[in-house]
Amino acid sequence: NLFNPTSSNPITQREYQQLLKFSDFLSNSEKEEDRNLALKIISAIYDLYKEDHSCQLLTKSILSKLGLFAAEEVFTDSDIKLPLSYEISSKYRKIKNRINGSEYIFTNRQCDVYSEIMQNDYFSFSGPTSLGKSFLIKHAAVDLIENNKLIIFILPTKALLEEYLIDLKSILNEKGVKDINVSKSVSQVDKESKN
């Protein structure tokens, strides 16, 4: 348990209710660090109170606000319903963050980075592993290929290169994109050869 390793339930009911309120409040902030803190709070109390309706409701609300839709499906009961305005906002975010021609949905942060990539000729970003950078870059590359003649990835290992090769071909096939040459090296590019 994240609050106290020697106790099975180290917080009082009042403290639990306050933590729920704080996490809800912080999840509405414009500041990324506040939203991250909301996620940390709800994650910490989830282990203790995951069977409680209030915990389920707030967990679903916070995960939805942060665009963590896959986590929402895993960690909350499907019969938990948010207030109508929250449900509408959640559905809107899911539609807005949906990847073109796919069943996948970007998180809010991935969607922001994707928009920046699509709007700029040159773009650089960094983020933690949990951001899903590879997933994001692969989908952005497939969407950019229509307007660009050549996209090059420089990757640090052969294993990662193989992973990108397989994933890009899969995404291209999933989206029905034809006449694209995906190769392991620039020297192997053959303008006449396609997937």
C-alpha atoms as a PDB file:
ATOM      1  CA  ASN A   1       0.000   0.000   0.000  1.00  0.00           C
ATOM      2  CA  LEU A   2       1.398   3.387  -1.013  1.00  0.00           C
ATOM      3  CA  PHE A   3       0.266   5.285   2.090  1.00  0.00           C
ATOM      4  CA  ASN A   4       1.648   3.051   4.801  1.00  0.00           C
ATOM      5  CA  PRO A   5       3.247  -0.349   4.169  1.00  0.00           C
ATOM      6  CA  THR A   6       2.418  -1.636   7.679  1.00  0.00           C
ATOM      7  CA  SER A   7      -1.308  -0.922   7.641  1.00  0.00           C
ATOM      8  CA  SER A   8      -4.058  -2.470   5.535  1.00  0.00           C
ATOM      9  CA  ASN A   9      -6.085   0.771   5.541  1.00  0.00           C
ATOM     10  CA  PRO A  10      -4.019   3.698   6.750  1.00  0.00           C
ATOM     11  CA  ILE A  11      -6.434   6.512   5.898  1.00  0.00           C
ATOM     12  CA  THR A  12      -9.703   7.463   7.519  1.00  0.00           C
ATOM     13  CA  GLN A  13     -12.985   7.698   5.649  1.00  0.00           C
ATOM     14  CA  ARG A  14     -12.782  11.493   5.903  1.00  0.00           C
ATOM     15  CA  GLU A  15      -9.267  11.517   4.425  1.00  0.00           C
ATOM     16  CA  TYR A  16     -10.440   9.203   1.656  1.00  0.00           C
ATOM     17  CA  GLN A  17     -13.294  11.573   0.754  1.00  0.00           C
ATOM     18  CA  GLN A  18     -10.904  14.536   0.794  1.00  0.00           C
ATOM     19  CA  LEU A  19      -8.454  12.733  -1.472  1.00  0.00           C
ATOM     20  CA  LEU A  20     -11.268  12.011  -3.924  1.00  0.00           C
ATOM     21  CA  LYS A  21     -12.229  15.704  -3.953  1.00  0.00           C
ATOM     22  CA  PHE A  22      -8.615  16.842  -4.354  1.00  0.00           C
ATOM     23  CA  SER A  23      -7.977  14.443  -7.213  1.00  0.00           C
ATOM     24  CA  ASP A  24     -11.172  15.552  -8.965  1.00  0.00           C
ATOM     25  CA  PHE A  25     -10.250  19.210  -8.493  1.00  0.00           C
ATOM     26  CA  LEU A  26      -6.671  18.708  -9.723  1.00  0.00           C
ATOM     27  CA  SER A  27      -7.816  16.721 -12.766  1.00  0.00           C
ATOM     28  CA  ASN A  28      -9.602  19.855 -14.034  1.00  0.00           C
ATOM     29  CA  SER A  29      -6.458  21.991 -13.896  1.00  0.00           C
ATOM     30  CA  GLU A  30      -4.781  23.412 -16.981  1.00  0.00           C
ATOM     31  CA  LYS A  31      -1.397  22.535 -15.455  1.00  0.00           C
ATOM     32  CA  GLU A  32       0.000  19.163 -16.474  1.00  0.00           C
ATOM     33  CA  GLU A  33       1.664  18.638 -13.086  1.00  0.00           C
ATOM     34  CA  ASP A  34      -1.716  19.071 -11.338  1.00  0.00           C
ATOM     35  CA  ARG A  35      -3.343  16.516 -13.639  1.00  0.00           C
ATOM     36  CA  ASN A  36      -0.437  14.133 -13.027  1.00  0.00           C
ATOM     37  CA  LEU A  37      -0.895  14.574  -9.281  1.00  0.00           C
ATOM     38  CA  ALA A  38      -4.615  13.787  -9.647  1.00  0.00           C
ATOM     39  CA  LEU A  39      -3.688  10.566 -11.431  1.00  0.00           C
ATOM     40  CA  LYS A  40      -1.155   9.667  -8.725  1.00  0.00           C
ATOM     41  CA  ILE A  41      -3.709  10.257  -5.959  1.00  0.00           C
ATOM     42  CA  ILE A  42      -6.455   8.212  -7.587  1.00  0.00           C
ATOM     43  CA  SER A  43      -3.942   5.445  -8.418  1.00  0.00           C
ATOM     44  CA  ALA A  44      -2.785   5.305  -4.804  1.00  0.00           C
ATOM     45  CA  ILE A  45      -6.275   5.064  -3.310  1.00  0.00           C
ATOM     46  CA  TYR A  46      -7.549   2.721  -6.024  1.00  0.00           C
ATOM     47  CA  ASP A  47      -5.842  -0.302  -4.446  1.00  0.00           C
ATOM     48  CA  LEU A  48      -7.643   0.365  -1.169  1.00  0.00           C
ATOM     49  CA  TYR A  49     -11.066   1.388  -2.450  1.00  0.00           C
ATOM     50  CA  LYS A  50     -11.479  -0.033  -5.961  1.00  0.00           C
ATOM     51  CA  GLU A  51     -14.740  -1.747  -4.950  1.00  0.00           C
ATOM     52  CA  ASP A  52     -16.230   1.541  -3.722  1.00  0.00           C
ATOM     53  CA  HIS A  53     -18.622   3.244  -6.151  1.00  0.00           C
ATOM     54  CA  SER A  54     -17.180   6.720  -5.449  1.00  0.00           C
ATOM     55  CA  CYS A  55     -13.658   5.524  -6.204  1.00  0.00           C
ATOM     56  CA  GLN A  56     -14.823   3.852  -9.426  1.00  0.00           C
ATOM     57  CA  LEU A  57     -16.712   6.986 -10.470  1.00  0.00           C
ATOM     58  CA  LEU A  58     -13.781   9.341  -9.828  1.00  0.00           C
ATOM     59  CA  THR A  59     -11.303   6.942 -11.421  1.00  0.00           C
ATOM     60  CA  LYS A  60     -13.431   6.803 -14.564  1.00  0.00           C
ATOM     61  CA  SER A  61     -13.870  10.580 -14.580  1.00  0.00           C
ATOM     62  CA  ILE A  62     -10.158  11.324 -14.169  1.00  0.00           C
ATOM     63  CA  LEU A  63      -9.004   8.735 -16.698  1.00  0.00           C
ATOM     64  CA  SER A  64     -11.545  10.079 -19.170  1.00  0.00           C
ATOM     65  CA  LYS A  65     -10.486  13.711 -18.647  1.00  0.00           C
ATOM     66  CA  LEU A  66      -6.869  12.737 -19.236  1.00  0.00           C
ATOM     67  CA  GLY A  67      -7.780  10.777 -22.360  1.00  0.00           C
ATOM     68  CA  LEU A  68      -6.605   7.486 -20.866  1.00  0.00           C
ATOM     69  CA  PHE A  69      -9.493   5.568 -22.419  1.00  0.00           C
ATOM     70  CA  ALA A  70      -7.793   2.166 -22.501  1.00  0.00           C
ATOM     71  CA  ALA A  71      -7.033   2.433 -18.769  1.00  0.00           C
ATOM     72  CA  GLU A  72     -10.616   3.531 -18.139  1.00  0.00           C
ATOM     73  CA  GLU A  73     -11.874   0.298 -19.697  1.00  0.00           C
ATOM     74  CA  VAL A  74      -9.452  -1.828 -17.664  1.00  0.00           C
ATOM     75  CA  PHE A  75      -9.797  -0.214 -14.243  1.00  0.00           C
ATOM     76  CA  THR A  76     -13.463   0.768 -14.025  1.00  0.00           C
ATOM     77  CA  ASP A  77     -16.665  -1.217 -14.212  1.00  0.00           C
ATOM     78  CA  SER A  78     -18.540  -0.759 -17.471  1.00  0.00           C
ATOM     79  CA  ASP A  79     -21.788  -0.160 -15.580  1.00  0.00           C
ATOM     80  CA  ILE A  80     -20.376   2.973 -13.879  1.00  0.00           C
ATOM     81  CA  LYS A  81     -21.990   5.986 -15.527  1.00  0.00           C
ATOM     82  CA  LEU A  82     -20.677   9.523 -15.327  1.00  0.00           C
ATOM     83  CA  PRO A  83     -23.025  12.524 -15.222  1.00  0.00           C
ATOM     84  CA  LEU A  84     -24.393  13.323 -18.689  1.00  0.00           C
ATOM     85  CA  SER A  85     -22.124  16.341 -19.287  1.00  0.00           C
ATOM     86  CA  TYR A  86     -19.045  14.212 -18.458  1.00  0.00           C
ATOM     87  CA  GLU A  87     -20.259  11.389 -20.722  1.00  0.00           C
ATOM     88  CA  ILE A  88     -20.722  13.850 -23.588  1.00  0.00           C
ATOM     89  CA  SER A  89     -17.237  15.319 -23.013  1.00  0.00           C
ATOM     90  CA  SER A  90     -15.750  11.830 -22.901  1.00  0.00           C
ATOM     91  CA  LYS A  91     -17.462  10.774 -26.135  1.00  0.00           C
ATOM     92  CA  TYR A  92     -16.310  14.005 -27.803  1.00  0.00           C
ATOM     93  CA  ARG A  93     -12.684  13.395 -26.724  1.00  0.00           C
ATOM     94  CA  LYS A  94     -12.854   9.810 -28.000  1.00  0.00           C
ATOM     95  CA  ILE A  95     -14.072  11.020 -31.395  1.00  0.00           C
ATOM     96  CA  LYS A  96     -11.535  13.875 -31.515  1.00  0.00           C
ATOM     97  CA  ASN A  97      -8.639  11.623 -30.482  1.00  0.00           C
ATOM     98  CA  ARG A  98      -9.529   8.689 -32.760  1.00  0.00           C
ATOM     99  CA  ILE A  99      -6.780   7.818 -35.199  1.00  0.00           C
ATOM    100  CA  ASN A 100      -7.896   8.206 -38.822  1.00  0.00           C
ATOM    101  CA  GLY A 101      -9.064   4.928 -40.331  1.00  0.00           C
ATOM    102  CA  SER A 102      -8.435   2.997 -37.133  1.00  0.00           C
ATOM    103  CA  GLU A 103     -10.105   1.728 -33.979  1.00  0.00           C
ATOM    104  CA  TYR A 104      -7.280   3.203 -31.867  1.00  0.00           C
ATOM    105  CA  ILE A 105      -7.600   6.369 -29.828  1.00  0.00           C
ATOM    106  CA  PHE A 106      -4.749   8.704 -28.914  1.00  0.00           C
ATOM    107  CA  THR A 107      -4.450   9.978 -25.353  1.00  0.00           C
ATOM    108  CA  ASN A 108      -4.935  13.744 -24.989  1.00  0.00           C
ATOM    109  CA  ARG A 109      -1.165  14.313 -24.905  1.00  0.00           C
ATOM    110  CA  GLN A 110      -0.573  12.073 -27.934  1.00  0.00           C
ATOM    111  CA  CYS A 111      -3.291  13.961 -29.800  1.00  0.00           C
ATOM    112  CA  ASP A 112      -1.594  17.300 -29.006  1.00  0.00           C
ATOM    113  CA  VAL A 113       1.791  16.038 -30.229  1.00  0.00           C
ATOM    114  CA  TYR A 114       0.196  14.479 -33.340  1.00  0.00           C
ATOM    115  CA  SER A 115      -1.399  17.843 -34.212  1.00  0.00           C
ATOM    116  CA  GLU A 116       1.971  19.586 -33.845  1.00  0.00           C
ATOM    117  CA  ILE A 117       3.652  17.001 -36.073  1.00  0.00           C
ATOM    118  CA  MET A 118       1.011  17.417 -38.768  1.00  0.00           C
ATOM    119  CA  GLN A 119       1.198  21.233 -38.694  1.00  0.00           C
ATOM    120  CA  ASN A 120       4.981  21.665 -38.788  1.00  0.00           C
ATOM    121  CA  ASP A 121       7.650  20.871 -41.359  1.00  0.00           C
ATOM    122  CA  TYR A 122      10.155  20.219 -38.570  1.00  0.00           C
ATOM    123  CA  PHE A 123       9.208  19.029 -35.131  1.00  0.00           C
ATOM    124  CA  SER A 124      11.081  17.565 -32.202  1.00  0.00           C
ATOM    125  CA  PHE A 125       9.731  16.330 -28.890  1.00  0.00           C
ATOM    126  CA  SER A 126      10.666  14.147 -25.992  1.00  0.00           C
ATOM    127  CA  GLY A 127       8.600  12.352 -23.432  1.00  0.00           C
ATOM    128  CA  PRO A 128       8.559   9.424 -21.059  1.00  0.00           C
ATOM    129  CA  THR A 129       8.141   5.863 -22.302  1.00  0.00           C
ATOM    130  CA  SER A 130       4.556   5.977 -21.065  1.00  0.00           C
ATOM    131  CA  LEU A 131       3.730   8.653 -23.664  1.00  0.00           C
ATOM    132  CA  GLY A 132       3.702   6.031 -26.413  1.00  0.00           C
ATOM    133  CA  LYS A 133       6.084   7.882 -28.713  1.00  0.00           C
ATOM    134  CA  SER A 134       6.660   4.978 -31.114  1.00  0.00           C
ATOM    135  CA  PHE A 135       2.933   4.327 -31.482  1.00  0.00           C
ATOM    136  CA  LEU A 136       2.349   8.019 -32.138  1.00  0.00           C
ATOM    137  CA  ILE A 137       5.221   8.431 -34.614  1.00  0.00           C
ATOM    138  CA  LYS A 138       4.235   5.365 -36.643  1.00  0.00           C
ATOM    139  CA  HIS A 139       0.653   6.553 -37.061  1.00  0.00           C
ATOM    140  CA  ALA A 140       1.751  10.117 -37.838  1.00  0.00           C
ATOM    141  CA  ALA A 141       4.187   8.823 -40.481  1.00  0.00           C
ATOM    142  CA  VAL A 142       1.451   6.849 -42.220  1.00  0.00           C
ATOM    143  CA  ASP A 143      -0.793   9.926 -42.264  1.00  0.00           C
ATOM    144  CA  LEU A 144       2.061  12.136 -43.511  1.00  0.00           C
ATOM    145  CA  ILE A 145       3.028   9.777 -46.338  1.00  0.00           C
ATOM    146  CA  GLU A 146       0.219  11.073 -48.564  1.00  0.00           C
ATOM    147  CA  ASN A 147       1.857  14.521 -48.745  1.00  0.00           C
ATOM    148  CA  ASN A 148       5.507  13.511 -48.490  1.00  0.00           C
ATOM    149  CA  LYS A 149       7.573  11.559 -50.947  1.00  0.00           C
ATOM    150  CA  LEU A 150      10.023  10.215 -48.404  1.00  0.00           C
ATOM    151  CA  ILE A 151      10.000   9.618 -44.659  1.00  0.00           C
ATOM    152  CA  ILE A 152      13.136   8.344 -42.955  1.00  0.00           C
ATOM    153  CA  PHE A 153      13.427   6.900 -39.447  1.00  0.00           C
ATOM    154  CA  ILE A 154      16.847   6.709 -37.845  1.00  0.00           C
ATOM    155  CA  LEU A 155      16.714   4.049 -35.152  1.00  0.00           C
ATOM    156  CA  PRO A 156      19.392   2.899 -32.688  1.00  0.00           C
ATOM    157  CA  THR A 157      19.088  -0.894 -33.040  1.00  0.00           C
ATOM    158  CA  LYS A 158      18.302  -3.518 -35.664  1.00  0.00           C
ATOM    159  CA  ALA A 159      15.616  -4.952 -33.390  1.00  0.00           C
ATOM    160  CA  LEU A 160      13.839  -1.600 -33.213  1.00  0.00           C
ATOM    161  CA  LEU A 161      14.218  -1.220 -36.972  1.00  0.00           C
ATOM    162  CA  GLU A 162      12.553  -4.621 -37.487  1.00  0.00           C
ATOM    163  CA  GLU A 163       9.745  -3.650 -35.101  1.00  0.00           C
ATOM    164  CA  TYR A 164       9.124  -0.396 -36.999  1.00  0.00           C
ATOM    165  CA  LEU A 165       9.202  -2.197 -40.337  1.00  0.00           C
ATOM    166  CA  ILE A 166       6.604  -4.754 -39.236  1.00  0.00           C
ATOM    167  CA  ASP A 167       4.406  -2.180 -37.485  1.00  0.00           C
ATOM    168  CA  LEU A 168       4.457   0.308 -40.362  1.00  0.00           C
ATOM    169  CA  LYS A 169       3.493  -2.377 -42.866  1.00  0.00           C
ATOM    170  CA  SER A 170       0.691  -3.482 -40.554  1.00  0.00           C
ATOM    171  CA  ILE A 171      -0.638   0.069 -40.120  1.00  0.00           C
ATOM    172  CA  LEU A 172      -0.433   0.700 -43.872  1.00  0.00           C
ATOM    173  CA  ASN A 173      -2.395  -2.496 -44.549  1.00  0.00           C
ATOM    174  CA  GLU A 174      -4.933  -1.693 -41.812  1.00  0.00           C
ATOM    175  CA  LYS A 175      -5.561   1.740 -43.327  1.00  0.00           C
ATOM    176  CA  GLY A 176      -5.626   0.382 -46.870  1.00  0.00           C
ATOM    177  CA  VAL A 177      -2.662   2.493 -47.996  1.00  0.00           C
ATOM    178  CA  LYS A 178      -1.101   1.058 -51.161  1.00  0.00           C
ATOM    179  CA  ASP A 179       1.895   1.859 -53.349  1.00  0.00           C
ATOM    180  CA  ILE A 180       4.302   2.585 -50.493  1.00  0.00           C
ATOM    181  CA  ASN A 181       7.862   1.265 -50.331  1.00  0.00           C
ATOM    182  CA  VAL A 182       8.985   0.412 -46.785  1.00  0.00           C
ATOM    183  CA  SER A 183      12.605  -0.711 -46.535  1.00  0.00           C
ATOM    184  CA  LYS A 184      15.335  -1.209 -43.936  1.00  0.00           C
ATOM    185  CA  SER A 185      17.838   1.146 -45.513  1.00  0.00           C
ATOM    186  CA  VAL A 186      17.916   4.103 -47.848  1.00  0.00           C
ATOM    187  CA  SER A 187      20.070   2.098 -50.282  1.00  0.00           C
ATOM    188  CA  GLN A 188      17.240  -0.450 -50.597  1.00  0.00           C
ATOM    189  CA  VAL A 189      14.678   2.135 -51.690  1.00  0.00           C
ATOM    190  CA  ASP A 190      13.293   1.137 -55.052  1.00  0.00           C
ATOM    191  CA  LYS A 191      10.806   3.638 -56.420  1.00  0.00           C
ATOM    192  CA  GLU A 192       9.231   0.931 -58.568  1.00  0.00           C
ATOM    193  CA  SER A 193       8.782  -1.576 -55.713  1.00  0.00           C
ATOM    194  CA  LYS A 194       5.771  -1.258 -53.411  1.00  0.00           C
ATOM    195  CA  ASN A 195       4.420  -3.175 -50.408  1.00  0.00           C
END
